[in-house]
């Protein structure tokens, strides 16, 4: 009994101390992020500060970061659509992370930090959480797109995880989304702060393939024309399972065979 009382008292003090560093708002800060994400004039003016969260977490997406002052400026401009979308985002990620935990998997540090913010009973947030909040509209679009891929294409688990080399594939374009966190080369993972595009394709067996390209590539218009038709590609398809239960190929050292 004494131990429980001591624990609860310590926990209450910790929450009280934490609340001293939280920004209080009369609106959902995620609604502010939705409003800003839909308007380039807001996104382009934001710069990412180096916070403890960004310095110590390896999985924080490098989206535009904001401060509470920008959220306060945006708050009077919010419309019903912003608030509704913010509620959908909260509901989606809260349920997703709960299901991941119920399945016995561990959440990454970034997801634990995000879950902590989502489960507060008010619209408060810390200054270090602003970048994470700003990333949510983009992550929501990305995750919904990936959910559709898992549902509509061949996502059977790999029986043999050995990857192939120098193989030919005919790929058909499905769609794309953007990212700002980590990219993979043939040998390692590296971090980029610039936005890049994840292009998704499928083969004759409806297996998924990922090709990452630079959003600012000088050949991006040519690439957009090429992927409107089925492409014959040669490369090293690496079997992956990195994206919440997706089983797909990442193409390394690839090139296009047909014109």
Protein backbone atom coordinates (compact mmCIF):
# COMPACT_ATOMS: atom_id res chain seq x y z
CA UNK A 1 0.00 0.00 0.00
CA UNK A 2 2.76 2.39 0.91
CA UNK A 3 4.67 1.53 -2.25
CA UNK A 4 1.60 2.21 -4.41
CA UNK A 5 1.04 5.55 -2.68
CA UNK A 6 4.68 6.52 -3.19
CA UNK A 7 4.56 5.48 -6.84
CA UNK A 8 1.36 7.44 -7.54
CA UNK A 9 2.73 10.51 -5.79
CA UNK A 10 5.95 10.33 -7.81
CA UNK A 11 3.98 9.87 -11.03
CA UNK A 12 1.76 12.85 -10.22
CA UNK A 13 4.81 15.05 -9.58
CA UNK A 14 6.36 13.94 -12.85
CA UNK A 15 3.19 14.81 -14.79
CA UNK A 16 2.96 18.15 -13.01
CA UNK A 17 6.56 18.98 -13.89
CA UNK A 18 6.00 17.90 -17.49
CA UNK A 19 2.92 20.10 -17.80
CA UNK A 20 5.01 23.16 -16.97
CA UNK A 21 6.71 22.79 -20.36
CA UNK A 22 3.55 22.18 -22.40
CA UNK A 23 1.93 24.76 -24.64
CA UNK A 24 -1.81 25.09 -24.07
CA UNK A 25 -4.13 25.78 -26.99
CA UNK A 26 -7.87 26.16 -27.45
CA UNK A 27 -7.70 24.17 -30.70
CA UNK A 28 -6.12 20.89 -31.76
CA UNK A 29 -2.50 21.56 -32.84
CA UNK A 30 -2.87 18.76 -35.40
CA UNK A 31 -5.61 20.85 -37.05
CA UNK A 32 -3.03 23.65 -37.34
CA UNK A 33 -0.63 21.18 -38.97
CA UNK A 34 -3.34 20.11 -41.44
CA UNK A 35 -4.03 23.74 -42.35
CA UNK A 36 -0.31 24.44 -42.85
CA UNK A 37 0.35 21.24 -44.81
CA UNK A 38 -2.29 22.20 -47.38
CA UNK A 39 -0.73 25.62 -47.90
CA UNK A 40 2.84 25.82 -49.32
CA UNK A 41 3.26 29.39 -48.14
CA UNK A 42 3.25 28.07 -44.56
CA UNK A 43 5.32 24.95 -45.19
CA UNK A 44 8.07 26.77 -47.07
CA UNK A 45 8.70 29.36 -44.34
CA UNK A 46 9.32 26.83 -41.58
CA UNK A 47 12.82 25.70 -40.65
CA UNK A 48 13.75 22.67 -38.50
CA UNK A 49 15.38 23.52 -35.16
CA UNK A 50 17.69 21.00 -33.51
CA UNK A 51 15.73 19.75 -30.52
CA UNK A 52 16.42 16.88 -28.17
CA UNK A 53 13.76 14.87 -29.98
CA UNK A 54 15.38 15.31 -33.38
CA UNK A 55 18.89 14.76 -32.05
CA UNK A 56 18.23 11.50 -30.23
CA UNK A 57 15.54 9.78 -32.30
CA UNK A 58 16.68 7.92 -35.41
CA UNK A 59 13.16 7.58 -36.80
CA UNK A 60 11.84 11.16 -36.70
CA UNK A 61 10.67 12.20 -40.19
CA UNK A 62 12.45 15.36 -41.30
CA UNK A 63 9.33 17.36 -42.10
CA UNK A 64 8.96 21.09 -41.78
CA UNK A 65 9.19 21.99 -38.13
CA UNK A 66 7.23 24.72 -36.45
CA UNK A 67 7.06 26.47 -33.12
CA UNK A 68 4.05 27.19 -30.97
CA UNK A 69 4.01 30.78 -32.28
CA UNK A 70 3.18 29.59 -35.81
CA UNK A 71 0.43 27.34 -34.46
CA UNK A 72 -1.01 30.33 -32.59
CA UNK A 73 -0.99 32.38 -35.81
CA UNK A 74 -2.80 29.64 -37.73
CA UNK A 75 -5.39 28.84 -35.04
CA UNK A 76 -7.87 31.64 -35.99
CA UNK A 77 -7.75 30.50 -39.65
CA UNK A 78 -8.88 26.92 -39.03
CA UNK A 79 -11.99 25.63 -40.77
CA UNK A 80 -14.22 22.63 -40.02
CA UNK A 81 -12.35 20.55 -42.57
CA UNK A 82 -9.04 21.06 -40.71
CA UNK A 83 -10.60 20.01 -37.38
CA UNK A 84 -12.32 16.99 -38.95
CA UNK A 85 -9.12 15.79 -40.63
CA UNK A 86 -7.19 16.24 -37.35
CA UNK A 87 -9.72 13.99 -35.59
CA UNK A 88 -9.31 11.36 -38.31
CA UNK A 89 -5.53 11.50 -37.94
CA UNK A 90 -5.70 11.12 -34.16
CA UNK A 91 -8.12 8.21 -34.44
CA UNK A 92 -6.11 6.45 -37.16
CA UNK A 93 -2.72 6.50 -35.44
CA UNK A 94 -4.11 5.78 -31.96
CA UNK A 95 -5.84 2.65 -33.25
CA UNK A 96 -2.87 1.61 -35.38
CA UNK A 97 -0.37 1.83 -32.53
CA UNK A 98 -2.76 0.02 -30.18
CA UNK A 99 -3.12 -2.87 -32.65
CA UNK A 100 0.66 -3.05 -33.06
CA UNK A 101 1.09 -3.30 -29.28
CA UNK A 102 -1.67 -5.91 -28.98
CA UNK A 103 0.13 -8.02 -31.59
CA UNK A 104 3.17 -8.14 -29.31
CA UNK A 105 5.40 -5.82 -31.34
CA UNK A 106 7.33 -2.96 -29.76
CA UNK A 107 6.77 0.63 -30.84
CA UNK A 108 9.76 2.67 -31.98
CA UNK A 109 10.82 5.61 -29.81
CA UNK A 110 9.24 8.00 -32.31
CA UNK A 111 5.92 6.15 -32.12
CA UNK A 112 6.04 6.05 -28.32
CA UNK A 113 6.59 9.82 -28.27
CA UNK A 114 3.73 10.28 -30.73
CA UNK A 115 1.42 8.00 -28.73
CA UNK A 116 2.19 10.01 -25.61
CA UNK A 117 1.13 13.21 -27.37
CA UNK A 118 -2.01 11.65 -28.90
CA UNK A 119 -3.29 10.27 -25.58
CA UNK A 120 -3.19 13.53 -23.64
CA UNK A 121 -6.65 14.66 -22.57
CA UNK A 122 -6.18 18.22 -23.78
CA UNK A 123 -4.71 20.01 -26.79
CA UNK A 124 -1.33 20.62 -25.17
CA UNK A 125 2.04 19.88 -26.73
CA UNK A 126 5.69 20.55 -26.05
CA UNK A 127 7.92 22.70 -28.24
CA UNK A 128 9.92 19.58 -29.15
CA UNK A 129 6.78 17.87 -30.45
CA UNK A 130 5.96 20.50 -33.07
CA UNK A 131 7.99 18.82 -35.82
CA UNK A 132 6.34 15.50 -35.05
CA UNK A 133 2.90 17.14 -35.21
CA UNK A 134 3.77 18.81 -38.53
CA UNK A 135 4.66 15.41 -40.02
CA UNK A 136 1.28 13.83 -39.24
CA UNK A 137 -0.74 15.02 -42.29
CA UNK A 138 1.92 13.63 -44.65
CA UNK A 139 2.33 10.39 -42.68
CA UNK A 140 -1.46 9.93 -42.67
CA UNK A 141 -1.55 10.09 -46.47
CA UNK A 142 1.43 7.73 -46.73
CA UNK A 143 0.07 5.14 -44.32
CA UNK A 144 -3.37 5.08 -45.94
CA UNK A 145 -1.73 4.55 -49.32
CA UNK A 146 0.36 1.66 -47.96
CA UNK A 147 -2.74 0.13 -46.36
CA UNK A 148 -4.37 0.06 -49.80
CA UNK A 149 -1.30 -1.61 -51.30
CA UNK A 150 -1.38 -4.35 -48.68
CA UNK A 151 -5.06 -4.94 -49.29
CA UNK A 152 -5.09 -4.89 -53.09
CA UNK A 153 -1.79 -6.58 -54.05
CA UNK A 154 0.14 -9.76 -53.27
CA UNK A 155 1.40 -9.32 -49.72
CA UNK A 156 2.02 -12.99 -48.84
CA UNK A 157 4.96 -13.50 -46.45
CA UNK A 158 8.26 -14.55 -47.98
CA UNK A 159 8.86 -18.32 -47.91
CA UNK A 160 12.49 -17.84 -48.91
CA UNK A 161 14.06 -14.54 -47.85
CA UNK A 162 17.06 -14.93 -50.17
CA UNK A 163 17.21 -12.02 -52.61
CA UNK A 164 17.97 -12.37 -56.33
CA UNK A 165 20.52 -10.62 -58.54
CA UNK A 166 20.50 -9.42 -62.14
CA UNK A 167 16.92 -10.35 -62.90
CA UNK A 168 14.51 -8.92 -65.47
CA UNK A 169 11.08 -7.71 -64.38
CA UNK A 170 8.16 -6.07 -66.19
CA UNK A 171 6.73 -3.49 -63.79
CA UNK A 172 3.49 -1.52 -63.89
CA UNK A 173 3.17 1.75 -62.00
CA UNK A 174 0.63 2.00 -59.16
CA UNK A 175 1.23 5.33 -57.44
CA UNK A 176 3.60 7.25 -55.18
CA UNK A 177 4.00 9.17 -51.94
CA UNK A 178 6.76 11.35 -50.51
CA UNK A 179 9.07 10.85 -47.54
CA UNK A 180 11.63 12.90 -45.63
CA UNK A 181 13.28 10.41 -43.31
CA UNK A 182 15.52 7.51 -44.37
CA UNK A 183 16.63 6.05 -47.67
CA UNK A 184 18.35 2.77 -48.42
CA UNK A 185 21.27 2.02 -50.71
CA UNK A 186 22.45 -1.44 -51.70
CA UNK A 187 24.49 -1.70 -48.52
CA UNK A 188 23.24 0.67 -45.83
CA UNK A 189 20.59 3.07 -44.63
CA UNK A 190 21.25 6.78 -44.69
CA UNK A 191 19.32 9.88 -43.68
CA UNK A 192 18.19 12.67 -45.97
CA UNK A 193 16.45 15.86 -44.96
CA UNK A 194 15.28 16.58 -48.51
CA UNK A 195 12.00 15.18 -49.72
CA UNK A 196 12.15 12.15 -52.00
CA UNK A 197 9.52 10.10 -53.83
CA UNK A 198 8.57 6.47 -53.18
CA UNK A 199 7.32 5.01 -56.49
CA UNK A 200 5.36 1.76 -56.20
CA UNK A 201 4.99 -0.83 -58.97
CA UNK A 202 3.72 -4.39 -59.31
CA UNK A 203 4.86 -7.32 -61.48
CA UNK A 204 2.90 -10.06 -63.26
CA UNK A 205 2.31 -11.83 -59.92
CA UNK A 206 1.10 -8.61 -58.25
CA UNK A 207 4.21 -8.48 -56.08
CA UNK A 208 5.08 -4.95 -54.99
CA UNK A 209 8.27 -3.11 -55.94
CA UNK A 210 9.62 0.15 -54.52
CA UNK A 211 11.85 2.54 -56.47
CA UNK A 212 12.95 5.73 -54.70
CA UNK A 213 13.72 8.85 -56.75
CA UNK A 214 14.75 12.41 -55.97
CA UNK A 215 11.83 14.83 -56.05
CA UNK A 216 14.11 17.51 -57.53
CA UNK A 217 15.76 15.23 -60.12
CA UNK A 218 16.39 17.05 -63.44
CA UNK A 219 14.94 13.97 -65.19
CA UNK A 220 11.70 13.88 -63.19
CA UNK A 221 9.47 14.87 -66.14
CA UNK A 222 10.99 12.15 -68.34
CA UNK A 223 10.50 9.66 -65.49
CA UNK A 224 6.85 10.65 -65.15
CA UNK A 225 6.31 9.95 -68.86
CA UNK A 226 8.12 6.59 -68.70
CA UNK A 227 6.15 5.14 -65.80
CA UNK A 228 2.82 5.66 -67.53
CA UNK A 229 3.57 2.43 -69.41
CA UNK A 230 4.81 -1.00 -68.32
CA UNK A 231 8.62 -0.97 -68.01
CA UNK A 232 11.16 -3.77 -68.48
CA UNK A 233 13.75 -3.34 -65.74
CA UNK A 234 16.91 -5.23 -64.79
CA UNK A 235 18.32 -5.06 -61.28
CA UNK A 236 18.66 -6.63 -57.84
CA UNK A 237 15.25 -6.99 -56.13
CA UNK A 238 15.82 -7.11 -52.37
CA UNK A 239 13.04 -8.71 -50.28
CA UNK A 240 11.84 -6.34 -47.54
CA UNK A 241 9.39 -6.37 -44.62
CA UNK A 242 10.17 -2.96 -43.10
CA UNK A 243 6.79 -1.21 -43.40
CA UNK A 244 4.38 -2.64 -40.83
CA UNK A 245 3.80 -6.07 -42.32
CA UNK A 246 4.40 -5.26 -45.99
CA UNK A 247 6.28 -7.84 -48.07
CA UNK A 248 7.77 -6.13 -51.10
CA UNK A 249 10.91 -5.70 -53.18
CA UNK A 250 13.29 -2.75 -53.13
CA UNK A 251 15.12 -2.45 -56.43
CA UNK A 252 18.86 -1.84 -56.14
CA UNK A 253 21.33 -1.23 -58.99
CA UNK A 254 18.56 -1.18 -61.55
CA UNK A 255 18.22 0.21 -65.05
CA UNK A 256 15.47 0.39 -67.68
CA UNK A 257 15.76 -2.02 -70.61
CA UNK A 258 13.07 -0.70 -72.96
CA UNK A 259 12.69 2.79 -74.43
